Amino acid sequence: MPKLIVMPHPGKTKLIPVEATNTKIGRANSNDVVVDSERVSRFHAILTIENGRVWIRDLKSSNGTFVNGQRVESRALSNGDTIHVGDCPLRFLAGEQTVTPAEALRLMSIPGGLTDLGKLH
């Protein structure tokens, strides 16, 4: 099952499974992934699962959605992609790997996309 590692505050991570066909990200409490930051729009971005792939789409946010440093309107995600919504970093994991809190924190510190996450449990 795909997952997001979210770093809402420096040094703290949350692992969120992407189970629903649509997973909303934003500052409003009605989102599936709530990010408490003034730089994140109330309804910032949405993850959709289509034909076995996970896509991210910006919802016309004020500060944009970035994947591996490039601003995107819509893009299919790959394992290990780094996402920024406003000033909040996220990391996308496509596989079934189990991630400990320490591994999640380490993964958040590695820049760019990851091609080999096979070393995780």
PDB file of N, CA and C in Angstrom:
ATOM      1  N   MET A   1       0.842  -1.177   0.000  1.00  0.00           N
ATOM      2  CA  MET A   1       0.000   0.000   0.000  1.00  0.00           C
ATOM      3  C   MET A   1       0.892   1.247   0.000  1.00  0.00           C
ATOM      4  N   PRO A   2       0.602   2.207  -0.852  1.00  0.00           N
ATOM      5  CA  PRO A   2       1.380   3.453  -0.862  1.00  0.00           C
ATOM      6  C   PRO A   2       1.248   4.190   0.469  1.00  0.00           C
ATOM      7  N   LYS A   3       2.293   4.962   0.794  1.00  0.00           N
ATOM      8  CA  LYS A   3       2.313   5.721   2.048  1.00  0.00           C
ATOM      9  C   LYS A   3       2.939   7.089   1.810  1.00  0.00           C
ATOM     10  N   LEU A   4       2.611   7.997   2.707  1.00  0.00           N
ATOM     11  CA  LEU A   4       3.272   9.300   2.751  1.00  0.00           C
ATOM     12  C   LEU A   4       3.971   9.425   4.090  1.00  0.00           C
ATOM     13  N   ILE A   5       5.213   9.880   4.051  1.00  0.00           N
ATOM     14  CA  ILE A   5       5.882  10.301   5.274  1.00  0.00           C
ATOM     15  C   ILE A   5       5.729  11.811   5.300  1.00  0.00           C
ATOM     16  N   VAL A   6       5.140  12.322   6.359  1.00  0.00           N
ATOM     17  CA  VAL A   6       4.904  13.759   6.501  1.00  0.00           C
ATOM     18  C   VAL A   6       5.759  14.257   7.655  1.00  0.00           C
ATOM     19  N   MET A   7       6.449  15.385   7.446  1.00  0.00           N
ATOM     20  CA  MET A   7       7.238  15.988   8.515  1.00  0.00           C
ATOM     21  C   MET A   7       6.597  17.330   8.870  1.00  0.00           C
ATOM     22  N   PRO A   8       5.594  17.302   9.768  1.00  0.00           N
ATOM     23  CA  PRO A   8       4.886  18.536  10.099  1.00  0.00           C
ATOM     24  C   PRO A   8       5.744  19.518  10.908  1.00  0.00           C
ATOM     25  N   HIS A   9       6.725  19.005  11.645  1.00  0.00           N
ATOM     26  CA  HIS A   9       7.634  19.832  12.436  1.00  0.00           C
ATOM     27  C   HIS A   9       9.024  19.215  12.324  1.00  0.00           C
ATOM     28  N   PRO A  10      10.077  20.004  12.346  1.00  0.00           N
ATOM     29  CA  PRO A  10      11.429  19.449  12.244  1.00  0.00           C
ATOM     30  C   PRO A  10      11.665  18.343  13.273  1.00  0.00           C
ATOM     31  N   GLY A  11      12.152  17.208  12.791  1.00  0.00           N
ATOM     32  CA  GLY A  11      12.472  16.100  13.673  1.00  0.00           C
ATOM     33  C   GLY A  11      11.304  15.191  14.023  1.00  0.00           C
ATOM     34  N   LYS A  12      10.090  15.514  13.543  1.00  0.00           N
ATOM     35  CA  LYS A  12       8.914  14.683  13.824  1.00  0.00           C
ATOM     36  C   LYS A  12       8.302  14.229  12.496  1.00  0.00           C
ATOM     37  N   THR A  13       8.005  12.942  12.400  1.00  0.00           N
ATOM     38  CA  THR A  13       7.388  12.416  11.187  1.00  0.00           C
ATOM     39  C   THR A  13       6.106  11.673  11.516  1.00  0.00           C
ATOM     40  N   LYS A  14       5.220  11.613  10.518  1.00  0.00           N
ATOM     41  CA  LYS A  14       4.002  10.812  10.595  1.00  0.00           C
ATOM     42  C   LYS A  14       3.962   9.959   9.336  1.00  0.00           C
ATOM     43  N   LEU A  15       3.610   8.694   9.478  1.00  0.00           N
ATOM     44  CA  LEU A  15       3.457   7.801   8.337  1.00  0.00           C
ATOM     45  C   LEU A  15       1.965   7.629   8.075  1.00  0.00           C
ATOM     46  N   ILE A  16       1.524   7.993   6.861  1.00  0.00           N
ATOM     47  CA  ILE A  16       0.103   7.981   6.534  1.00  0.00           C
ATOM     48  C   ILE A  16      -0.136   7.069   5.336  1.00  0.00           C
ATOM     49  N   PRO A  17      -0.923   5.996   5.521  1.00  0.00           N
ATOM     50  CA  PRO A  17      -1.245   5.134   4.379  1.00  0.00           C
ATOM     51  C   PRO A  17      -2.146   5.868   3.384  1.00  0.00           C
ATOM     52  N   VAL A  18      -1.899   5.648   2.098  1.00  0.00           N
ATOM     53  CA  VAL A  18      -2.738   6.222   1.046  1.00  0.00           C
ATOM     54  C   VAL A  18      -3.678   5.103   0.608  1.00  0.00           C
ATOM     55  N   GLU A  19      -4.819   5.019   1.283  1.00  0.00           N
ATOM     56  CA  GLU A  19      -5.760   3.922   1.064  1.00  0.00           C
ATOM     57  C   GLU A  19      -6.919   4.306   0.162  1.00  0.00           C
ATOM     58  N   ALA A  20      -7.359   5.527   0.276  1.00  0.00           N
ATOM     59  CA  ALA A  20      -8.541   5.969  -0.461  1.00  0.00           C
ATOM     60  C   ALA A  20      -8.172   6.320  -1.899  1.00  0.00           C
ATOM     61  N   THR A  21      -9.168   6.267  -2.773  1.00  0.00           N
ATOM     62  CA  THR A  21      -8.958   6.662  -4.166  1.00  0.00           C
ATOM     63  C   THR A  21      -8.542   8.119  -4.247  1.00  0.00           C
ATOM     64  N   ASN A  22      -9.070   8.945  -3.352  1.00  0.00           N
ATOM     65  CA  ASN A  22      -8.719  10.363  -3.285  1.00  0.00           C
ATOM     66  C   ASN A  22      -8.285  10.691  -1.861  1.00  0.00           C
ATOM     67  N   THR A  23      -7.087  11.246  -1.731  1.00  0.00           N
ATOM     68  CA  THR A  23      -6.557  11.650  -0.430  1.00  0.00           C
ATOM     69  C   THR A  23      -6.252  13.142  -0.504  1.00  0.00           C
ATOM     70  N   LYS A  24      -7.005  13.939   0.251  1.00  0.00           N
ATOM     71  CA  LYS A  24      -6.858  15.399   0.214  1.00  0.00           C
ATOM     72  C   LYS A  24      -5.812  15.859   1.229  1.00  0.00           C
ATOM     73  N   ILE A  25      -4.999  16.836   0.803  1.00  0.00           N
ATOM     74  CA  ILE A  25      -3.944  17.407   1.638  1.00  0.00           C
ATOM     75  C   ILE A  25      -4.188  18.902   1.757  1.00  0.00           C
ATOM     76  N   GLY A  26      -4.133  19.422   2.990  1.00  0.00           N
ATOM     77  CA  GLY A  26      -4.298  20.858   3.172  1.00  0.00           C
ATOM     78  C   GLY A  26      -4.390  21.238   4.631  1.00  0.00           C
ATOM     79  N   ARG A  27      -4.615  22.516   4.870  1.00  0.00           N
ATOM     80  CA  ARG A  27      -4.657  23.068   6.225  1.00  0.00           C
ATOM     81  C   ARG A  27      -6.005  22.844   6.918  1.00  0.00           C
ATOM     82  N   ALA A  28      -7.089  22.736   6.148  1.00  0.00           N
ATOM     83  CA  ALA A  28      -8.422  22.569   6.735  1.00  0.00           C
ATOM     84  C   ALA A  28      -8.550  21.203   7.400  1.00  0.00           C
ATOM     85  N   ASN A  29      -9.257  21.165   8.519  1.00  0.00           N
ATOM     86  CA  ASN A  29      -9.437  19.921   9.270  1.00  0.00           C
ATOM     87  C   ASN A  29     -10.195  18.848   8.504  1.00  0.00           C
ATOM     88  N   SER A  30     -10.900  19.207   7.448  1.00  0.00           N
ATOM     89  CA  SER A  30     -11.657  18.216   6.678  1.00  0.00           C
ATOM     90  C   SER A  30     -10.786  17.418   5.705  1.00  0.00           C
ATOM     91  N   ASN A  31      -9.505  17.772   5.579  1.00  0.00           N
ATOM     92  CA  ASN A  31      -8.593  17.028   4.703  1.00  0.00           C
ATOM     93  C   ASN A  31      -8.201  15.703   5.335  1.00  0.00           C
ATOM     94  N   ASP A  32      -7.767  14.765   4.499  1.00  0.00           N
ATOM     95  CA  ASP A  32      -7.278  13.478   4.987  1.00  0.00           C
ATOM     96  C   ASP A  32      -5.901  13.628   5.623  1.00  0.00           C
ATOM     97  N   VAL A  33      -5.077  14.510   5.050  1.00  0.00           N
ATOM     98  CA  VAL A  33      -3.760  14.833   5.595  1.00  0.00           C
ATOM     99  C   VAL A  33      -3.796  16.322   5.944  1.00  0.00           C
ATOM    100  N   VAL A  34      -3.836  16.620   7.233  1.00  0.00           N
ATOM    101  CA  VAL A  34      -3.929  18.007   7.701  1.00  0.00           C
ATOM    102  C   VAL A  34      -2.529  18.502   8.027  1.00  0.00           C
ATOM    103  N   VAL A  35      -2.151  19.637   7.409  1.00  0.00           N
ATOM    104  CA  VAL A  35      -0.848  20.252   7.631  1.00  0.00           C
ATOM    105  C   VAL A  35      -1.082  21.635   8.229  1.00  0.00           C
ATOM    106  N   ASP A  36      -0.655  21.811   9.468  1.00  0.00           N
ATOM    107  CA  ASP A  36      -0.875  23.057  10.191  1.00  0.00           C
ATOM    108  C   ASP A  36       0.238  24.050   9.874  1.00  0.00           C
ATOM    109  N   SER A  37       0.069  24.757   8.767  1.00  0.00           N
ATOM    110  CA  SER A  37       1.049  25.765   8.349  1.00  0.00           C
ATOM    111  C   SER A  37       0.333  26.834   7.538  1.00  0.00           C
ATOM    112  N   GLU A  38       0.673  28.076   7.785  1.00  0.00           N
ATOM    113  CA  GLU A  38       0.075  29.186   7.038  1.00  0.00           C
ATOM    114  C   GLU A  38       0.482  29.168   5.566  1.00  0.00           C
ATOM    115  N   ARG A  39       1.571  28.488   5.226  1.00  0.00           N
ATOM    116  CA  ARG A  39       2.026  28.409   3.829  1.00  0.00           C
ATOM    117  C   ARG A  39       1.309  27.303   3.048  1.00  0.00           C
ATOM    118  N   VAL A  40       0.490  26.525   3.733  1.00  0.00           N
ATOM    119  CA  VAL A  40      -0.288  25.459   3.094  1.00  0.00           C
ATOM    120  C   VAL A  40      -1.717  25.967   2.938  1.00  0.00           C
ATOM    121  N   SER A  41      -2.248  25.848   1.729  1.00  0.00           N
ATOM    122  CA  SER A  41      -3.626  26.282   1.475  1.00  0.00           C
ATOM    123  C   SER A  41      -4.616  25.375   2.203  1.00  0.00           C
ATOM    124  N   ARG A  42      -5.811  25.894   2.440  1.00  0.00           N
ATOM    125  CA  ARG A  42      -6.831  25.084   3.118  1.00  0.00           C
ATOM    126  C   ARG A  42      -7.077  23.786   2.374  1.00  0.00           C
ATOM    127  N   PHE A  43      -7.141  23.848   1.053  1.00  0.00           N
ATOM    128  CA  PHE A  43      -7.271  22.662   0.202  1.00  0.00           C
ATOM    129  C   PHE A  43      -6.140  22.756  -0.816  1.00  0.00           C
ATOM    130  N   HIS A  44      -5.012  22.156  -0.509  1.00  0.00           N
ATOM    131  CA  HIS A  44      -3.759  22.391  -1.231  1.00  0.00           C
ATOM    132  C   HIS A  44      -3.562  21.444  -2.415  1.00  0.00           C
ATOM    133  N   ALA A  45      -3.684  20.136  -2.162  1.00  0.00           N
ATOM    134  CA  ALA A  45      -3.419  19.143  -3.211  1.00  0.00           C
ATOM    135  C   ALA A  45      -4.247  17.895  -2.942  1.00  0.00           C
ATOM    136  N   ILE A  46      -4.302  17.028  -3.942  1.00  0.00           N
ATOM    137  CA  ILE A  46      -5.020  15.767  -3.797  1.00  0.00           C
ATOM    138  C   ILE A  46      -4.208  14.654  -4.444  1.00  0.00           C
ATOM    139  N   LEU A  47      -4.181  13.514  -3.770  1.00  0.00           N
ATOM    140  CA  LEU A  47      -3.586  12.307  -4.338  1.00  0.00           C
ATOM    141  C   LEU A  47      -4.726  11.456  -4.869  1.00  0.00           C
ATOM    142  N   THR A  48      -4.595  10.957  -6.087  1.00  0.00           N
ATOM    143  CA  THR A  48      -5.598  10.068  -6.657  1.00  0.00           C
ATOM    144  C   THR A  48      -4.915   8.790  -7.124  1.00  0.00           C
ATOM    145  N   ILE A  49      -5.612   7.699  -6.982  1.00  0.00           N
ATOM    146  CA  ILE A  49      -5.111   6.417  -7.458  1.00  0.00           C
ATOM    147  C   ILE A  49      -5.857   6.097  -8.743  1.00  0.00           C
ATOM    148  N   GLU A  50      -5.090   5.981  -9.839  1.00  0.00           N
ATOM    149  CA  GLU A  50      -5.676   5.703 -11.150  1.00  0.00           C
ATOM    150  C   GLU A  50      -4.853   4.618 -11.830  1.00  0.00           C
ATOM    151  N   ASN A  51      -5.491   3.537 -12.206  1.00  0.00           N
ATOM    152  CA  ASN A  51      -4.822   2.436 -12.908  1.00  0.00           C
ATOM    153  C   ASN A  51      -3.562   1.971 -12.200  1.00  0.00           C
ATOM    154  N   GLY A  52      -3.634   1.876 -10.875  1.00  0.00           N
ATOM    155  CA  GLY A  52      -2.513   1.368 -10.100  1.00  0.00           C
ATOM    156  C   GLY A  52      -1.403   2.369  -9.830  1.00  0.00           C
ATOM    157  N   ARG A  53      -1.527   3.595 -10.305  1.00  0.00           N
ATOM    158  CA  ARG A  53      -0.528   4.638 -10.062  1.00  0.00           C
ATOM    159  C   ARG A  53      -1.131   5.717  -9.174  1.00  0.00           C
ATOM    160  N   VAL A  54      -0.262   6.360  -8.409  1.00  0.00           N
ATOM    161  CA  VAL A  54      -0.704   7.458  -7.548  1.00  0.00           C
ATOM    162  C   VAL A  54      -0.275   8.766  -8.204  1.00  0.00           C
ATOM    163  N   TRP A  55      -1.218   9.660  -8.358  1.00  0.00           N
ATOM    164  CA  TRP A  55      -0.994  10.979  -8.957  1.00  0.00           C
ATOM    165  C   TRP A  55      -1.189  12.042  -7.889  1.00  0.00           C
ATOM    166  N   ILE A  56      -0.437  13.128  -7.991  1.00  0.00           N
ATOM    167  CA  ILE A  56      -0.666  14.299  -7.151  1.00  0.00           C
ATOM    168  C   ILE A  56      -1.122  15.433  -8.056  1.00  0.00           C
ATOM    169  N   ARG A  57      -2.127  16.177  -7.603  1.00  0.00           N
ATOM    170  CA  ARG A  57      -2.640  17.308  -8.365  1.00  0.00           C
ATOM    171  C   ARG A  57      -2.765  18.502  -7.433  1.00  0.00           C
ATOM    172  N   ASP A  58      -2.188  19.605  -7.832  1.00  0.00           N
ATOM    173  CA  ASP A  58      -2.300  20.848  -7.070  1.00  0.00           C
ATOM    174  C   ASP A  58      -3.713  21.395  -7.243  1.00  0.00           C
ATOM    175  N   LEU A  59      -4.282  21.896  -6.161  1.00  0.00           N
ATOM    176  CA  LEU A  59      -5.644  22.430  -6.191  1.00  0.00           C
ATOM    177  C   LEU A  59      -5.635  23.958  -6.245  1.00  0.00           C
ATOM    178  N   LYS A  60      -4.800  24.506  -7.139  1.00  0.00           N
ATOM    179  CA  LYS A  60      -4.664  25.959  -7.314  1.00  0.00           C
ATOM    180  C   LYS A  60      -4.241  26.624  -6.005  1.00  0.00           C
ATOM    181  N   SER A  61      -3.294  25.981  -5.305  1.00  0.00           N
ATOM    182  CA  SER A  61      -2.810  26.497  -4.026  1.00  0.00           C
ATOM    183  C   SER A  61      -2.005  27.774  -4.229  1.00  0.00           C
ATOM    184  N   SER A  62      -1.915  28.573  -3.185  1.00  0.00           N
ATOM    185  CA  SER A  62      -1.172  29.836  -3.256  1.00  0.00           C
ATOM    186  C   SER A  62       0.329  29.624  -3.418  1.00  0.00           C
ATOM    187  N   ASN A  63       0.890  28.652  -2.694  1.00  0.00           N
ATOM    188  CA  ASN A  63       2.345  28.467  -2.686  1.00  0.00           C
ATOM    189  C   ASN A  63       2.828  27.278  -3.495  1.00  0.00           C
ATOM    190  N   GLY A  64       1.929  26.591  -4.176  1.00  0.00           N
ATOM    191  CA  GLY A  64       2.317  25.536  -5.095  1.00  0.00           C
ATOM    192  C   GLY A  64       2.611  24.191  -4.456  1.00  0.00           C
ATOM    193  N   THR A  65       2.669  23.193  -5.333  1.00  0.00           N
ATOM    194  CA  THR A  65       3.027  21.827  -4.973  1.00  0.00           C
ATOM    195  C   THR A  65       4.256  21.470  -5.790  1.00  0.00           C
ATOM    196  N   PHE A  66       5.259  20.924  -5.114  1.00  0.00           N
ATOM    197  CA  PHE A  66       6.528  20.616  -5.755  1.00  0.00           C
ATOM    198  C   PHE A  66       6.851  19.135  -5.592  1.00  0.00           C
ATOM    199  N   VAL A  67       7.343  18.517  -6.662  1.00  0.00           N
ATOM    200  CA  VAL A  67       7.810  17.138  -6.619  1.00  0.00           C
ATOM    201  C   VAL A  67       9.267  17.148  -7.066  1.00  0.00           C
ATOM    202  N   ASN A  68      10.144  16.677  -6.195  1.00  0.00           N
ATOM    203  CA  ASN A  68      11.586  16.661  -6.458  1.00  0.00           C
ATOM    204  C   ASN A  68      12.092  18.031  -6.928  1.00  0.00           C
ATOM    205  N   GLY A  69      11.556  19.079  -6.292  1.00  0.00           N
ATOM    206  CA  GLY A  69      12.021  20.438  -6.552  1.00  0.00           C
ATOM    207  C   GLY A  69      11.360  21.149  -7.713  1.00  0.00           C
ATOM    208  N   GLN A  70      10.486  20.478  -8.472  1.00  0.00           N
ATOM    209  CA  GLN A  70       9.819  21.106  -9.611  1.00  0.00           C
ATOM    210  C   GLN A  70       8.346  21.340  -9.301  1.00  0.00           C
ATOM    211  N   ARG A  71       7.896  22.557  -9.582  1.00  0.00           N
ATOM    212  CA  ARG A  71       6.480  22.874  -9.358  1.00  0.00           C
ATOM    213  C   ARG A  71       5.640  22.070 -10.346  1.00  0.00           C
ATOM    214  N   VAL A  72       4.562  21.475  -9.852  1.00  0.00           N
ATOM    215  CA  VAL A  72       3.714  20.645 -10.705  1.00  0.00           C
ATOM    216  C   VAL A  72       2.255  21.040 -10.547  1.00  0.00           C
ATOM    217  N   GLU A  73       1.506  20.828 -11.628  1.00  0.00           N
ATOM    218  CA  GLU A  73       0.050  20.923 -11.553  1.00  0.00           C
ATOM    219  C   GLU A  73      -0.518  19.539 -11.322  1.00  0.00           C
ATOM    220  N   SER A  74       0.044  18.547 -12.037  1.00  0.00           N
ATOM    221  CA  SER A  74      -0.370  17.157 -11.894  1.00  0.00           C
ATOM    222  C   SER A  74       0.800  16.285 -12.323  1.00  0.00           C
ATOM    223  N   ARG A  75       1.018  15.194 -11.571  1.00  0.00           N
ATOM    224  CA  ARG A  75       2.144  14.324 -11.899  1.00  0.00           C
ATOM    225  C   ARG A  75       1.952  12.961 -11.242  1.00  0.00           C
ATOM    226  N   ALA A  76       2.338  11.907 -11.967  1.00  0.00           N
ATOM    227  CA  ALA A  76       2.368  10.565 -11.384  1.00  0.00           C
ATOM    228  C   ALA A  76       3.576  10.502 -10.459  1.00  0.00           C
ATOM    229  N   LEU A  77       3.386   9.889  -9.289  1.00  0.00           N
ATOM    230  CA  LEU A  77       4.465   9.797  -8.313  1.00  0.00           C
ATOM    231  C   LEU A  77       5.219   8.483  -8.463  1.00  0.00           C
ATOM    232  N   SER A  78       6.505   8.539  -8.152  1.00  0.00           N
ATOM    233  CA  SER A  78       7.368   7.362  -8.150  1.00  0.00           C
ATOM    234  C   SER A  78       7.867   7.128  -6.743  1.00  0.00           C
ATOM    235  N   ASN A  79       8.234   5.901  -6.454  1.00  0.00           N
ATOM    236  CA  ASN A  79       8.727   5.544  -5.135  1.00  0.00           C
ATOM    237  C   ASN A  79       9.872   6.457  -4.715  1.00  0.00           C
ATOM    238  N   GLY A  80       9.739   7.057  -3.532  1.00  0.00           N
ATOM    239  CA  GLY A  80      10.784   7.909  -2.988  1.00  0.00           C
ATOM    240  C   GLY A  80      10.710   9.368  -3.367  1.00  0.00           C
ATOM    241  N   ASP A  81       9.714   9.769  -4.176  1.00  0.00           N
ATOM    242  CA  ASP A  81       9.603  11.175  -4.561  1.00  0.00           C
ATOM    243  C   ASP A  81       9.471  12.057  -3.324  1.00  0.00           C
ATOM    244  N   THR A  82      10.141  13.211  -3.379  1.00  0.00           N
ATOM    245  CA  THR A  82      10.029  14.224  -2.342  1.00  0.00           C
ATOM    246  C   THR A  82       8.974  15.229  -2.793  1.00  0.00           C
ATOM    247  N   ILE A  83       8.019  15.504  -1.929  1.00  0.00           N
ATOM    248  CA  ILE A  83       6.922  16.428  -2.233  1.00  0.00           C
ATOM    249  C   ILE A  83       6.986  17.566  -1.225  1.00  0.00           C
ATOM    250  N   HIS A  84       6.712  18.783  -1.688  1.00  0.00           N
ATOM    251  CA  HIS A  84       6.543  19.918  -0.777  1.00  0.00           C
ATOM    252  C   HIS A  84       5.185  20.550  -1.056  1.00  0.00           C
ATOM    253  N   VAL A  85       4.379  20.675  -0.022  1.00  0.00           N
ATOM    254  CA  VAL A  85       3.157  21.464  -0.084  1.00  0.00           C
ATOM    255  C   VAL A  85       3.409  22.633   0.860  1.00  0.00           C
ATOM    256  N   GLY A  86       3.434  23.835   0.285  1.00  0.00           N
ATOM    257  CA  GLY A  86       3.839  24.986   1.093  1.00  0.00           C
ATOM    258  C   GLY A  86       5.230  24.737   1.628  1.00  0.00           C
ATOM    259  N   ASP A  87       5.383  24.828   2.949  1.00  0.00           N
ATOM    260  CA  ASP A  87       6.697  24.604   3.553  1.00  0.00           C
ATOM    261  C   ASP A  87       6.802  23.236   4.230  1.00  0.00           C
ATOM    262  N   CYS A  88       5.864  22.339   3.929  1.00  0.00           N
ATOM    263  CA  CYS A  88       5.854  21.021   4.567  1.00  0.00           C
ATOM    264  C   CYS A  88       6.402  19.955   3.618  1.00  0.00           C
ATOM    265  N   PRO A  89       7.482  19.267   4.027  1.00  0.00           N
ATOM    266  CA  PRO A  89       8.010  18.186   3.198  1.00  0.00           C
ATOM    267  C   PRO A  89       7.268  16.875   3.433  1.00  0.00           C
ATOM    268  N   LEU A  90       7.089  16.121   2.349  1.00  0.00           N
ATOM    269  CA  LEU A  90       6.501  14.786   2.404  1.00  0.00           C
ATOM    270  C   LEU A  90       7.360  13.878   1.534  1.00  0.00           C
ATOM    271  N   ARG A  91       7.300  12.599   1.796  1.00  0.00           N
ATOM    272  CA  ARG A  91       7.999  11.631   0.960  1.00  0.00           C
ATOM    273  C   ARG A  91       7.013  10.535   0.613  1.00  0.00           C
ATOM    274  N   PHE A  92       6.975  10.166  -0.676  1.00  0.00           N
ATOM    275  CA  PHE A  92       6.052   9.151  -1.162  1.00  0.00           C
ATOM    276  C   PHE A  92       6.749   7.798  -1.221  1.00  0.00           C
ATOM    277  N   LEU A  93       6.111   6.786  -0.648  1.00  0.00           N
ATOM    278  CA  LEU A  93       6.596   5.406  -0.715  1.00  0.00           C
ATOM    279  C   LEU A  93       5.537   4.577  -1.425  1.00  0.00           C
ATOM    280  N   ALA A  94       5.914   3.960  -2.537  1.00  0.00           N
ATOM    281  CA  ALA A  94       4.952   3.243  -3.362  1.00  0.00           C
ATOM    282  C   ALA A  94       4.737   1.806  -2.929  1.00  0.00           C
ATOM    283  N   GLY A  95       5.699   1.217  -2.234  1.00  0.00           N
ATOM    284  CA  GLY A  95       5.651  -0.214  -1.973  1.00  0.00           C
ATOM    285  C   GLY A  95       5.062  -0.605  -0.639  1.00  0.00           C
ATOM    286  N   GLU A  96       5.330  -1.841  -0.305  1.00  0.00           N
ATOM    287  CA  GLU A  96       4.808  -2.440   0.913  1.00  0.00           C
ATOM    288  C   GLU A  96       5.796  -2.384   2.068  1.00  0.00           C
ATOM    289  N   GLN A  97       6.893  -1.647   1.913  1.00  0.00           N
ATOM    290  CA  GLN A  97       7.915  -1.636   2.949  1.00  0.00           C
ATOM    291  C   GLN A  97       7.386  -1.117   4.281  1.00  0.00           C
ATOM    292  N   THR A  98       7.930  -1.701   5.352  1.00  0.00           N
ATOM    293  CA  THR A  98       7.629  -1.247   6.692  1.00  0.00           C
ATOM    294  C   THR A  98       8.689  -0.218   7.064  1.00  0.00           C
ATOM    295  N   VAL A  99       8.258   0.897   7.628  1.00  0.00           N
ATOM    296  CA  VAL A  99       9.177   1.981   7.941  1.00  0.00           C
ATOM    297  C   VAL A  99       9.064   2.313   9.421  1.00  0.00           C
ATOM    298  N   THR A 100      10.184   2.234  10.128  1.00  0.00           N
ATOM    299  CA  THR A 100      10.206   2.617  11.538  1.00  0.00           C
ATOM    300  C   THR A 100      10.259   4.139  11.627  1.00  0.00           C
ATOM    301  N   PRO A 101       9.942   4.730  12.771  1.00  0.00           N
ATOM    302  CA  PRO A 101      10.063   6.185  12.912  1.00  0.00           C
ATOM    303  C   PRO A 101      11.470   6.691  12.606  1.00  0.00           C
ATOM    304  N   ALA A 102      12.496   5.958  13.010  1.00  0.00           N
ATOM    305  CA  ALA A 102      13.878   6.382  12.732  1.00  0.00           C
ATOM    306  C   ALA A 102      14.173   6.336  11.232  1.00  0.00           C
ATOM    307  N   GLU A 103      13.680   5.297  10.535  1.00  0.00           N
ATOM    308  CA  GLU A 103      13.878   5.215   9.086  1.00  0.00           C
ATOM    309  C   GLU A 103      13.119   6.323   8.368  1.00  0.00           C
ATOM    310  N   ALA A 104      11.914   6.638   8.842  1.00  0.00           N
ATOM    311  CA  ALA A 104      11.133   7.717   8.241  1.00  0.00           C
ATOM    312  C   ALA A 104      11.869   9.043   8.361  1.00  0.00           C
ATOM    313  N   LEU A 105      12.443   9.298   9.525  1.00  0.00           N
ATOM    314  CA  LEU A 105      13.199  10.535   9.726  1.00  0.00           C
ATOM    315  C   LEU A 105      14.425  10.569   8.819  1.00  0.00           C
ATOM    316  N   ARG A 106      15.111   9.439   8.686  1.00  0.00           N
ATOM    317  CA  ARG A 106      16.289   9.361   7.803  1.00  0.00           C
ATOM    318  C   ARG A 106      15.883   9.605   6.351  1.00  0.00           C
ATOM    319  N   LEU A 107      14.781   9.002   5.912  1.00  0.00           N
ATOM    320  CA  LEU A 107      14.323   9.181   4.536  1.00  0.00           C
ATOM    321  C   LEU A 107      13.964  10.631   4.239  1.00  0.00           C
ATOM    322  N   MET A 108      13.483  11.347   5.235  1.00  0.00           N
ATOM    323  CA  MET A 108      13.136  12.756   5.025  1.00  0.00           C
ATOM    324  C   MET A 108      14.373  13.622   4.825  1.00  0.00           C
ATOM    325  N   SER A 109      15.537  13.135   5.245  1.00  0.00           N
ATOM    326  CA  SER A 109      16.754  13.945   5.133  1.00  0.00           C
ATOM    327  C   SER A 109      17.521  13.684   3.839  1.00  0.00           C
ATOM    328  N   ILE A 110      17.084  12.703   3.028  1.00  0.00           N
ATOM    329  CA  ILE A 110      17.752  12.383   1.778  1.00  0.00           C
ATOM    330  C   ILE A 110      17.079  13.176   0.663  1.00  0.00           C
ATOM    331  N   PRO A 111      17.835  14.040  -0.043  1.00  0.00           N
ATOM    332  CA  PRO A 111      17.206  14.851  -1.090  1.00  0.00           C
ATOM    333  C   PRO A 111      16.870  14.041  -2.337  1.00  0.00           C
ATOM    334  N   GLY A 112      15.869  14.521  -3.096  1.00  0.00           N
ATOM    335  CA  GLY A 112      15.524  13.923  -4.382  1.00  0.00           C
ATOM    336  C   GLY A 112      14.802  12.606  -4.267  1.00  0.00           C
ATOM    337  N   GLY A 113      14.515  12.016  -5.423  1.00  0.00           N
ATOM    338  CA  GLY A 113      13.833  10.732  -5.470  1.00  0.00           C
ATOM    339  C   GLY A 113      14.758   9.604  -5.072  1.00  0.00           C
ATOM    340  N   LEU A 114      14.203   8.546  -4.571  1.00  0.00           N
ATOM    341  CA  LEU A 114      14.973   7.371  -4.170  1.00  0.00           C
ATOM    342  C   LEU A 114      14.679   6.249  -5.150  1.00  0.00           C
ATOM    343  N   THR A 115      15.708   5.580  -5.608  1.00  0.00           N
ATOM    344  CA  THR A 115      15.489   4.482  -6.537  1.00  0.00           C
ATOM    345  C   THR A 115      15.523   3.139  -5.839  1.00  0.00           C
ATOM    346  N   ASP A 116      16.202   3.034  -4.695  1.00  0.00           N
ATOM    347  CA  ASP A 116      16.312   1.742  -4.018  1.00  0.00           C
ATOM    348  C   ASP A 116      15.960   1.888  -2.548  1.00  0.00           C
ATOM    349  N   LEU A 117      14.757   1.457  -2.224  1.00  0.00           N
ATOM    350  CA  LEU A 117      14.345   1.435  -0.828  1.00  0.00           C
ATOM    351  C   LEU A 117      14.279   0.002  -0.325  1.00  0.00           C
ATOM    352  N   GLY A 118      14.907  -0.919  -1.035  1.00  0.00           N
ATOM    353  CA  GLY A 118      14.860  -2.320  -0.695  1.00  0.00           C
ATOM    354  C   GLY A 118      15.510  -2.669   0.625  1.00  0.00           C
ATOM    355  N   LYS A 119      16.312  -1.762   1.175  1.00  0.00           N
ATOM    356  CA  LYS A 119      16.987  -2.038   2.437  1.00  0.00           C
ATOM    357  C   LYS A 119      16.067  -1.887   3.640  1.00  0.00           C
ATOM    358  N   LEU A 120      14.882  -1.350   3.428  1.00  0.00           N
ATOM    359  CA  LEU A 120      13.929  -1.215   4.534  1.00  0.00           C
ATOM    360  C   LEU A 120      13.283  -2.558   4.794  1.00  0.00           C
ATOM    361  N   HIS A 121      12.749  -2.720   5.983  1.00  0.00           N
ATOM    362  CA  HIS A 121      12.147  -4.000   6.398  1.00  0.00           C
ATOM    363  C   HIS A 121      10.855  -4.248   5.660  1.00  0.00           C
TER     364      HIS A 121
END
